[in-house]
């Protein structure tokens, strides 16, 4: 029997999809999962995603541990970093070999929602081919979870999930039951393929990042395969690169 593909458009919907068997792929293109792949590709030893800011006290900073937190698109005061992948690259010499404790508005919340799943990885355009290759090799059913924005559906995560799903179907995967979300995402991904930047021009999160003068992050996050690692969630709560 061929493995199945489905898409959950918001972490708030995850309880309606969770079955424990499918590999979960958490997606937050702008910017958490792009930043996670980038940090690991540029030498971070591990990324520890956490939901609430109060949990940082459980993982105190030291010589081999760095704190990063973002809310509303901006770095939280008092933290070393936000969730800009370009900042991860710029500070890669400082971050290399260290554990990065990361909390974001949406991405780490989505990871928290699915962390008890038997298999969880993160994906974005910056590592799309590595993620698809990993899933093809595993040959197990897949559930993409869009991080969205504060529980709401967003466009960029839906685009990525549509693109990744199309590739998986080309490798013999099949649509899961009640997979209208996959059909919708694949359709918009096909429309947007020629120019994703233009397609997302009026999208809420791209507009938000533009207003924060973070357009370079947007360009980076829509560039394929520039951080070709697969972050895998381990039982100890860390994401490690493969």
C-alpha atoms as a PDB file:
ATOM      1  CA  UNK A   1       0.000   0.000   0.000  1.00  0.00           C
ATOM      2  CA  UNK A   2       1.388   3.389  -0.995  1.00  0.00           C
ATOM      3  CA  UNK A   3       2.110   5.947   1.754  1.00  0.00           C
ATOM      4  CA  UNK A   4      -0.385   8.785   2.070  1.00  0.00           C
ATOM      5  CA  UNK A   5      -0.011  12.569   2.117  1.00  0.00           C
ATOM      6  CA  UNK A   6      -2.167  15.047   3.981  1.00  0.00           C
ATOM      7  CA  UNK A   7      -1.907  18.687   5.071  1.00  0.00           C
ATOM      8  CA  UNK A   8      -3.118  20.283   8.283  1.00  0.00           C
ATOM      9  CA  UNK A   9      -3.530  23.995   7.579  1.00  0.00           C
ATOM     10  CA  UNK A  10      -3.195  25.147  11.207  1.00  0.00           C
ATOM     11  CA  UNK A  11      -1.813  23.692  14.444  1.00  0.00           C
ATOM     12  CA  UNK A  12      -5.261  24.285  15.951  1.00  0.00           C
ATOM     13  CA  UNK A  13      -6.586  21.588  13.605  1.00  0.00           C
ATOM     14  CA  UNK A  14      -3.887  19.049  14.453  1.00  0.00           C
ATOM     15  CA  UNK A  15      -6.040  17.007  16.894  1.00  0.00           C
ATOM     16  CA  UNK A  16      -8.394  16.252  13.967  1.00  0.00           C
ATOM     17  CA  UNK A  17      -5.528  14.817  11.914  1.00  0.00           C
ATOM     18  CA  UNK A  18      -3.244  13.174  14.454  1.00  0.00           C
ATOM     19  CA  UNK A  19      -3.040   9.405  14.197  1.00  0.00           C
ATOM     20  CA  UNK A  20       0.489   8.852  15.490  1.00  0.00           C
ATOM     21  CA  UNK A  21       1.562   6.848  12.443  1.00  0.00           C
ATOM     22  CA  UNK A  22       2.378   9.489   9.829  1.00  0.00           C
ATOM     23  CA  UNK A  23       5.641  11.405   9.870  1.00  0.00           C
ATOM     24  CA  UNK A  24       4.827  14.992  10.809  1.00  0.00           C
ATOM     25  CA  UNK A  25       6.539  17.822   8.922  1.00  0.00           C
ATOM     26  CA  UNK A  26       6.145  21.171  10.670  1.00  0.00           C
ATOM     27  CA  UNK A  27       6.360  24.109   8.250  1.00  0.00           C
ATOM     28  CA  UNK A  28       6.889  27.788   9.077  1.00  0.00           C
ATOM     29  CA  UNK A  29       8.432  29.290   5.958  1.00  0.00           C
ATOM     30  CA  UNK A  30       8.474  32.878   7.354  1.00  0.00           C
ATOM     31  CA  UNK A  31      10.608  32.119   9.360  1.00  0.00           C
ATOM     32  CA  UNK A  32      11.056  29.532  12.100  1.00  0.00           C
ATOM     33  CA  UNK A  33      11.664  26.376  10.090  1.00  0.00           C
ATOM     34  CA  UNK A  34      13.816  28.297   7.611  1.00  0.00           C
ATOM     35  CA  UNK A  35      15.888  29.584  10.535  1.00  0.00           C
ATOM     36  CA  UNK A  36      16.140  26.126  12.126  1.00  0.00           C
ATOM     37  CA  UNK A  37      17.492  24.514   8.960  1.00  0.00           C
ATOM     38  CA  UNK A  38      19.836  27.451   8.388  1.00  0.00           C
ATOM     39  CA  UNK A  39      21.218  27.381  11.923  1.00  0.00           C
ATOM     40  CA  UNK A  40      21.880  23.638  11.765  1.00  0.00           C
ATOM     41  CA  UNK A  41      23.413  23.879   8.294  1.00  0.00           C
ATOM     42  CA  UNK A  42      25.760  26.640   9.444  1.00  0.00           C
ATOM     43  CA  UNK A  43      27.102  24.792  12.449  1.00  0.00           C
ATOM     44  CA  UNK A  44      24.644  24.967  15.343  1.00  0.00           C
ATOM     45  CA  UNK A  45      24.906  21.707  17.252  1.00  0.00           C
ATOM     46  CA  UNK A  46      21.169  21.436  18.010  1.00  0.00           C
ATOM     47  CA  UNK A  47      18.034  23.561  18.134  1.00  0.00           C
ATOM     48  CA  UNK A  48      15.742  23.190  21.132  1.00  0.00           C
ATOM     49  CA  UNK A  49      12.294  24.583  20.219  1.00  0.00           C
ATOM     50  CA  UNK A  50      10.118  25.758  23.110  1.00  0.00           C
ATOM     51  CA  UNK A  51       6.678  27.332  23.128  1.00  0.00           C
ATOM     52  CA  UNK A  52       6.403  29.851  25.954  1.00  0.00           C
ATOM     53  CA  UNK A  53       9.046  32.356  26.984  1.00  0.00           C
ATOM     54  CA  UNK A  54       8.738  31.185  30.586  1.00  0.00           C
ATOM     55  CA  UNK A  55      10.321  27.866  29.623  1.00  0.00           C
ATOM     56  CA  UNK A  56      13.690  29.469  28.905  1.00  0.00           C
ATOM     57  CA  UNK A  57      14.516  29.291  32.609  1.00  0.00           C
ATOM     58  CA  UNK A  58      14.562  25.496  32.250  1.00  0.00           C
ATOM     59  CA  UNK A  59      17.479  25.828  29.830  1.00  0.00           C
ATOM     60  CA  UNK A  60      19.781  28.518  31.243  1.00  0.00           C
ATOM     61  CA  UNK A  61      22.343  30.170  29.022  1.00  0.00           C
ATOM     62  CA  UNK A  62      25.967  29.096  29.287  1.00  0.00           C
ATOM     63  CA  UNK A  63      29.016  28.941  27.046  1.00  0.00           C
ATOM     64  CA  UNK A  64      27.455  26.278  24.840  1.00  0.00           C
ATOM     65  CA  UNK A  65      23.849  27.472  24.843  1.00  0.00           C
ATOM     66  CA  UNK A  66      22.277  30.531  23.181  1.00  0.00           C
ATOM     67  CA  UNK A  67      18.768  31.965  23.515  1.00  0.00           C
ATOM     68  CA  UNK A  68      16.652  33.154  20.572  1.00  0.00           C
ATOM     69  CA  UNK A  69      13.087  34.452  20.759  1.00  0.00           C
ATOM     70  CA  UNK A  70      10.711  36.195  18.350  1.00  0.00           C
ATOM     71  CA  UNK A  71       7.244  37.589  18.783  1.00  0.00           C
ATOM     72  CA  UNK A  72       5.300  39.432  16.109  1.00  0.00           C
ATOM     73  CA  UNK A  73       8.234  39.259  13.702  1.00  0.00           C
ATOM     74  CA  UNK A  74      10.696  40.986  16.034  1.00  0.00           C
ATOM     75  CA  UNK A  75      13.464  39.816  18.353  1.00  0.00           C
ATOM     76  CA  UNK A  76      12.313  39.803  21.976  1.00  0.00           C
ATOM     77  CA  UNK A  77      14.241  42.249  24.149  1.00  0.00           C
ATOM     78  CA  UNK A  78      17.029  40.630  26.128  1.00  0.00           C
ATOM     79  CA  UNK A  79      17.591  37.700  23.764  1.00  0.00           C
ATOM     80  CA  UNK A  80      20.645  37.006  21.637  1.00  0.00           C
ATOM     81  CA  UNK A  81      18.668  36.458  18.427  1.00  0.00           C
ATOM     82  CA  UNK A  82      15.194  36.432  16.936  1.00  0.00           C
ATOM     83  CA  UNK A  83      14.342  33.973  14.177  1.00  0.00           C
ATOM     84  CA  UNK A  84      15.982  35.622  11.175  1.00  0.00           C
ATOM     85  CA  UNK A  85      17.891  33.023   9.136  1.00  0.00           C
ATOM     86  CA  UNK A  86      20.161  35.759   7.824  1.00  0.00           C
ATOM     87  CA  UNK A  87      21.112  36.632  11.402  1.00  0.00           C
ATOM     88  CA  UNK A  88      21.902  32.943  11.955  1.00  0.00           C
ATOM     89  CA  UNK A  89      24.333  33.113   9.051  1.00  0.00           C
ATOM     90  CA  UNK A  90      25.840  36.446  10.106  1.00  0.00           C
ATOM     91  CA  UNK A  91      26.470  35.107  13.622  1.00  0.00           C
ATOM     92  CA  UNK A  92      27.416  31.581  12.583  1.00  0.00           C
ATOM     93  CA  UNK A  93      30.940  31.844  14.033  1.00  0.00           C
ATOM     94  CA  UNK A  94      29.396  32.696  17.423  1.00  0.00           C
ATOM     95  CA  UNK A  95      26.726  29.974  17.148  1.00  0.00           C
ATOM     96  CA  UNK A  96      28.866  27.147  15.803  1.00  0.00           C
ATOM     97  CA  UNK A  97      28.891  24.086  18.012  1.00  0.00           C
ATOM     98  CA  UNK A  98      26.286  25.481  20.423  1.00  0.00           C
ATOM     99  CA  UNK A  99      22.715  24.604  21.295  1.00  0.00           C
ATOM    100  CA  UNK A 100      20.157  27.186  20.204  1.00  0.00           C
ATOM    101  CA  UNK A 101      17.058  27.449  22.401  1.00  0.00           C
ATOM    102  CA  UNK A 102      14.358  28.969  20.196  1.00  0.00           C
ATOM    103  CA  UNK A 103      10.833  30.267  20.770  1.00  0.00           C
ATOM    104  CA  UNK A 104       8.758  31.896  18.024  1.00  0.00           C
ATOM    105  CA  UNK A 105       5.264  33.220  17.482  1.00  0.00           C
ATOM    106  CA  UNK A 106       4.084  30.275  15.395  1.00  0.00           C
ATOM    107  CA  UNK A 107       6.668  27.667  14.400  1.00  0.00           C
ATOM    108  CA  UNK A 108       7.696  26.437  17.818  1.00  0.00           C
ATOM    109  CA  UNK A 109       4.045  26.390  18.886  1.00  0.00           C
ATOM    110  CA  UNK A 110       3.319  24.015  15.999  1.00  0.00           C
ATOM    111  CA  UNK A 111       6.229  21.792  17.035  1.00  0.00           C
ATOM    112  CA  UNK A 112       4.889  21.792  20.583  1.00  0.00           C
ATOM    113  CA  UNK A 113       1.462  20.685  19.350  1.00  0.00           C
ATOM    114  CA  UNK A 114       2.915  17.646  17.561  1.00  0.00           C
ATOM    115  CA  UNK A 115       5.970  16.835  19.681  1.00  0.00           C
ATOM    116  CA  UNK A 116       4.480  13.576  20.990  1.00  0.00           C
ATOM    117  CA  UNK A 117       4.152  12.195  17.476  1.00  0.00           C
ATOM    118  CA  UNK A 118       6.385   9.189  16.800  1.00  0.00           C
ATOM    119  CA  UNK A 119       8.229  11.033  14.032  1.00  0.00           C
ATOM    120  CA  UNK A 120       8.648  14.776  13.492  1.00  0.00           C
ATOM    121  CA  UNK A 121      10.853  16.853  11.205  1.00  0.00           C
ATOM    122  CA  UNK A 122      10.758  20.467  10.033  1.00  0.00           C
ATOM    123  CA  UNK A 123      10.655  21.751   6.479  1.00  0.00           C
ATOM    124  CA  UNK A 124      10.876  24.930   4.427  1.00  0.00           C
ATOM    125  CA  UNK A 125      11.933  25.946   0.943  1.00  0.00           C
ATOM    126  CA  UNK A 126      15.530  26.269   2.107  1.00  0.00           C
ATOM    127  CA  UNK A 127      15.658  22.467   2.617  1.00  0.00           C
ATOM    128  CA  UNK A 128      12.751  21.228   0.479  1.00  0.00           C
ATOM    129  CA  UNK A 129      14.706  18.695  -1.605  1.00  0.00           C
ATOM    130  CA  UNK A 130      16.410  17.201   1.448  1.00  0.00           C
ATOM    131  CA  UNK A 131      13.030  16.883   3.180  1.00  0.00           C
ATOM    132  CA  UNK A 132      11.365  15.243   0.178  1.00  0.00           C
ATOM    133  CA  UNK A 133      14.299  12.841  -0.301  1.00  0.00           C
ATOM    134  CA  UNK A 134      14.127  11.907   3.394  1.00  0.00           C
ATOM    135  CA  UNK A 135      10.392  11.229   3.189  1.00  0.00           C
ATOM    136  CA  UNK A 136      10.759   9.184   0.019  1.00  0.00           C
ATOM    137  CA  UNK A 137      13.448   7.049   1.658  1.00  0.00           C
ATOM    138  CA  UNK A 138      11.285   6.539   4.746  1.00  0.00           C
ATOM    139  CA  UNK A 139       8.318   5.548   2.558  1.00  0.00           C
ATOM    140  CA  UNK A 140       5.801   6.293   5.328  1.00  0.00           C
ATOM    141  CA  UNK A 141       2.660   8.395   5.314  1.00  0.00           C
ATOM    142  CA  UNK A 142       3.223  12.133   5.801  1.00  0.00           C
ATOM    143  CA  UNK A 143       1.262  14.870   7.528  1.00  0.00           C
ATOM    144  CA  UNK A 144       2.391  18.432   6.884  1.00  0.00           C
ATOM    145  CA  UNK A 145       1.430  20.950   9.573  1.00  0.00           C
ATOM    146  CA  UNK A 146       1.354  24.602   8.537  1.00  0.00           C
ATOM    147  CA  UNK A 147       2.372  26.826  11.439  1.00  0.00           C
ATOM    148  CA  UNK A 148       0.168  29.602  10.061  1.00  0.00           C
ATOM    149  CA  UNK A 149      -0.230  32.811  12.034  1.00  0.00           C
ATOM    150  CA  UNK A 150      -1.649  32.624  15.564  1.00  0.00           C
ATOM    151  CA  UNK A 151      -3.870  29.698  14.642  1.00  0.00           C
ATOM    152  CA  UNK A 152      -4.972  31.157  11.311  1.00  0.00           C
ATOM    153  CA  UNK A 153      -4.166  29.797   7.862  1.00  0.00           C
ATOM    154  CA  UNK A 154      -1.414  31.549   5.927  1.00  0.00           C
ATOM    155  CA  UNK A 155      -0.351  31.469   2.312  1.00  0.00           C
ATOM    156  CA  UNK A 156       3.391  30.789   2.343  1.00  0.00           C
ATOM    157  CA  UNK A 157       3.173  27.600   4.426  1.00  0.00           C
ATOM    158  CA  UNK A 158       0.333  26.363   2.227  1.00  0.00           C
ATOM    159  CA  UNK A 159       2.480  26.999  -0.867  1.00  0.00           C
ATOM    160  CA  UNK A 160       5.371  24.990   0.501  1.00  0.00           C
ATOM    161  CA  UNK A 161       3.136  22.091   1.503  1.00  0.00           C
ATOM    162  CA  UNK A 162       1.592  22.077  -1.964  1.00  0.00           C
ATOM    163  CA  UNK A 163       4.997  22.018  -3.642  1.00  0.00           C
ATOM    164  CA  UNK A 164       6.319  19.258  -1.379  1.00  0.00           C
ATOM    165  CA  UNK A 165       3.136  17.210  -1.793  1.00  0.00           C
ATOM    166  CA  UNK A 166       3.355  17.411  -5.591  1.00  0.00           C
ATOM    167  CA  UNK A 167       6.878  16.028  -5.430  1.00  0.00           C
ATOM    168  CA  UNK A 168       5.825  13.193  -3.136  1.00  0.00           C
ATOM    169  CA  UNK A 169       2.954  12.224  -5.424  1.00  0.00           C
ATOM    170  CA  UNK A 170       5.464  12.023  -8.270  1.00  0.00           C
ATOM    171  CA  UNK A 171       7.345   9.449  -6.161  1.00  0.00           C
ATOM    172  CA  UNK A 172       4.321   7.199  -5.719  1.00  0.00           C
ATOM    173  CA  UNK A 173       2.692   8.664  -2.623  1.00  0.00           C
ATOM    174  CA  UNK A 174      -1.086   8.949  -2.672  1.00  0.00           C
ATOM    175  CA  UNK A 175      -3.634  11.393  -1.324  1.00  0.00           C
ATOM    176  CA  UNK A 176      -4.956  10.545   2.102  1.00  0.00           C
ATOM    177  CA  UNK A 177      -8.686  10.364   2.729  1.00  0.00           C
ATOM    178  CA  UNK A 178     -10.332  13.771   3.108  1.00  0.00           C
ATOM    179  CA  UNK A 179      -7.304  15.444   1.544  1.00  0.00           C
ATOM    180  CA  UNK A 180      -8.978  18.516   0.077  1.00  0.00           C
ATOM    181  CA  UNK A 181      -6.321  20.647   1.784  1.00  0.00           C
ATOM    182  CA  UNK A 182      -3.669  18.883  -0.298  1.00  0.00           C
ATOM    183  CA  UNK A 183      -5.571  19.544  -3.503  1.00  0.00           C
ATOM    184  CA  UNK A 184      -5.984  23.224  -2.624  1.00  0.00           C
ATOM    185  CA  UNK A 185      -2.328  23.650  -1.685  1.00  0.00           C
ATOM    186  CA  UNK A 186      -1.088  21.919  -4.825  1.00  0.00           C
ATOM    187  CA  UNK A 187      -3.281  24.138  -6.973  1.00  0.00           C
ATOM    188  CA  UNK A 188      -2.002  27.386  -5.472  1.00  0.00           C
ATOM    189  CA  UNK A 189       1.576  26.078  -5.577  1.00  0.00           C
ATOM    190  CA  UNK A 190       1.220  25.435  -9.303  1.00  0.00           C
ATOM    191  CA  UNK A 191      -0.159  28.936  -9.867  1.00  0.00           C
ATOM    192  CA  UNK A 192       2.598  30.550  -7.796  1.00  0.00           C
ATOM    193  CA  UNK A 193       5.500  28.508  -9.134  1.00  0.00           C
ATOM    194  CA  UNK A 194       6.596  31.020 -11.781  1.00  0.00           C
ATOM    195  CA  UNK A 195       7.054  33.817  -9.223  1.00  0.00           C
ATOM    196  CA  UNK A 196       6.399  33.048  -5.566  1.00  0.00           C
ATOM    197  CA  UNK A 197       7.524  36.493  -4.444  1.00  0.00           C
ATOM    198  CA  UNK A 198       4.911  38.168  -6.633  1.00  0.00           C
ATOM    199  CA  UNK A 199       2.222  35.671  -5.680  1.00  0.00           C
ATOM    200  CA  UNK A 200       2.807  36.425  -2.004  1.00  0.00           C
ATOM    201  CA  UNK A 201       2.956  40.184  -2.570  1.00  0.00           C
ATOM    202  CA  UNK A 202      -0.253  40.885  -0.633  1.00  0.00           C
ATOM    203  CA  UNK A 203       0.006  38.019   1.838  1.00  0.00           C
ATOM    204  CA  UNK A 204      -0.263  39.010   5.477  1.00  0.00           C
ATOM    205  CA  UNK A 205       3.086  37.773   6.749  1.00  0.00           C
ATOM    206  CA  UNK A 206       5.089  39.033   3.799  1.00  0.00           C
ATOM    207  CA  UNK A 207       3.467  42.428   4.351  1.00  0.00           C
ATOM    208  CA  UNK A 208       4.281  42.219   8.053  1.00  0.00           C
ATOM    209  CA  UNK A 209       7.938  41.442   7.374  1.00  0.00           C
ATOM    210  CA  UNK A 210       8.148  44.148   4.712  1.00  0.00           C
ATOM    211  CA  UNK A 211       6.888  46.699   7.216  1.00  0.00           C
ATOM    212  CA  UNK A 212       9.640  45.535   9.578  1.00  0.00           C
ATOM    213  CA  UNK A 213      12.189  46.008   6.747  1.00  0.00           C
ATOM    214  CA  UNK A 214      12.863  42.272   6.576  1.00  0.00           C
ATOM    215  CA  UNK A 215      12.368  41.749   2.832  1.00  0.00           C
ATOM    216  CA  UNK A 216      15.806  40.126   2.548  1.00  0.00           C
ATOM    217  CA  UNK A 217      14.587  37.419   4.890  1.00  0.00           C
ATOM    218  CA  UNK A 218      11.597  36.851   2.621  1.00  0.00           C
ATOM    219  CA  UNK A 219      13.820  36.395  -0.430  1.00  0.00           C
ATOM    220  CA  UNK A 220      16.062  34.003   1.485  1.00  0.00           C
ATOM    221  CA  UNK A 221      13.133  31.957   2.821  1.00  0.00           C
ATOM    222  CA  UNK A 222      11.717  31.449  -0.682  1.00  0.00           C
ATOM    223  CA  UNK A 223      15.044  30.219  -2.086  1.00  0.00           C
ATOM    224  CA  UNK A 224      15.206  26.467  -2.505  1.00  0.00           C
ATOM    225  CA  UNK A 225      17.884  24.156  -1.108  1.00  0.00           C
ATOM    226  CA  UNK A 226      20.289  26.650   0.434  1.00  0.00           C
ATOM    227  CA  UNK A 227      20.252  24.862   3.799  1.00  0.00           C
ATOM    228  CA  UNK A 228      20.013  21.197   2.766  1.00  0.00           C
ATOM    229  CA  UNK A 229      19.646  19.468   6.124  1.00  0.00           C
ATOM    230  CA  UNK A 230      16.703  17.647   7.692  1.00  0.00           C
ATOM    231  CA  UNK A 231      16.064  18.673  11.315  1.00  0.00           C
ATOM    232  CA  UNK A 232      14.735  15.649  13.219  1.00  0.00           C
ATOM    233  CA  UNK A 233      12.992  15.996  16.572  1.00  0.00           C
ATOM    234  CA  UNK A 234      14.523  13.744  19.199  1.00  0.00           C
ATOM    235  CA  UNK A 235      12.956  12.428  22.407  1.00  0.00           C
ATOM    236  CA  UNK A 236      15.047  14.834  24.483  1.00  0.00           C
ATOM    237  CA  UNK A 237      13.314  17.781  22.819  1.00  0.00           C
ATOM    238  CA  UNK A 238      16.104  18.833  20.462  1.00  0.00           C
ATOM    239  CA  UNK A 239      16.156  19.100  16.686  1.00  0.00           C
ATOM    240  CA  UNK A 240      19.283  17.500  15.265  1.00  0.00           C
ATOM    241  CA  UNK A 241      20.494  17.643  11.641  1.00  0.00           C
ATOM    242  CA  UNK A 242      20.598  14.734   9.197  1.00  0.00           C
END
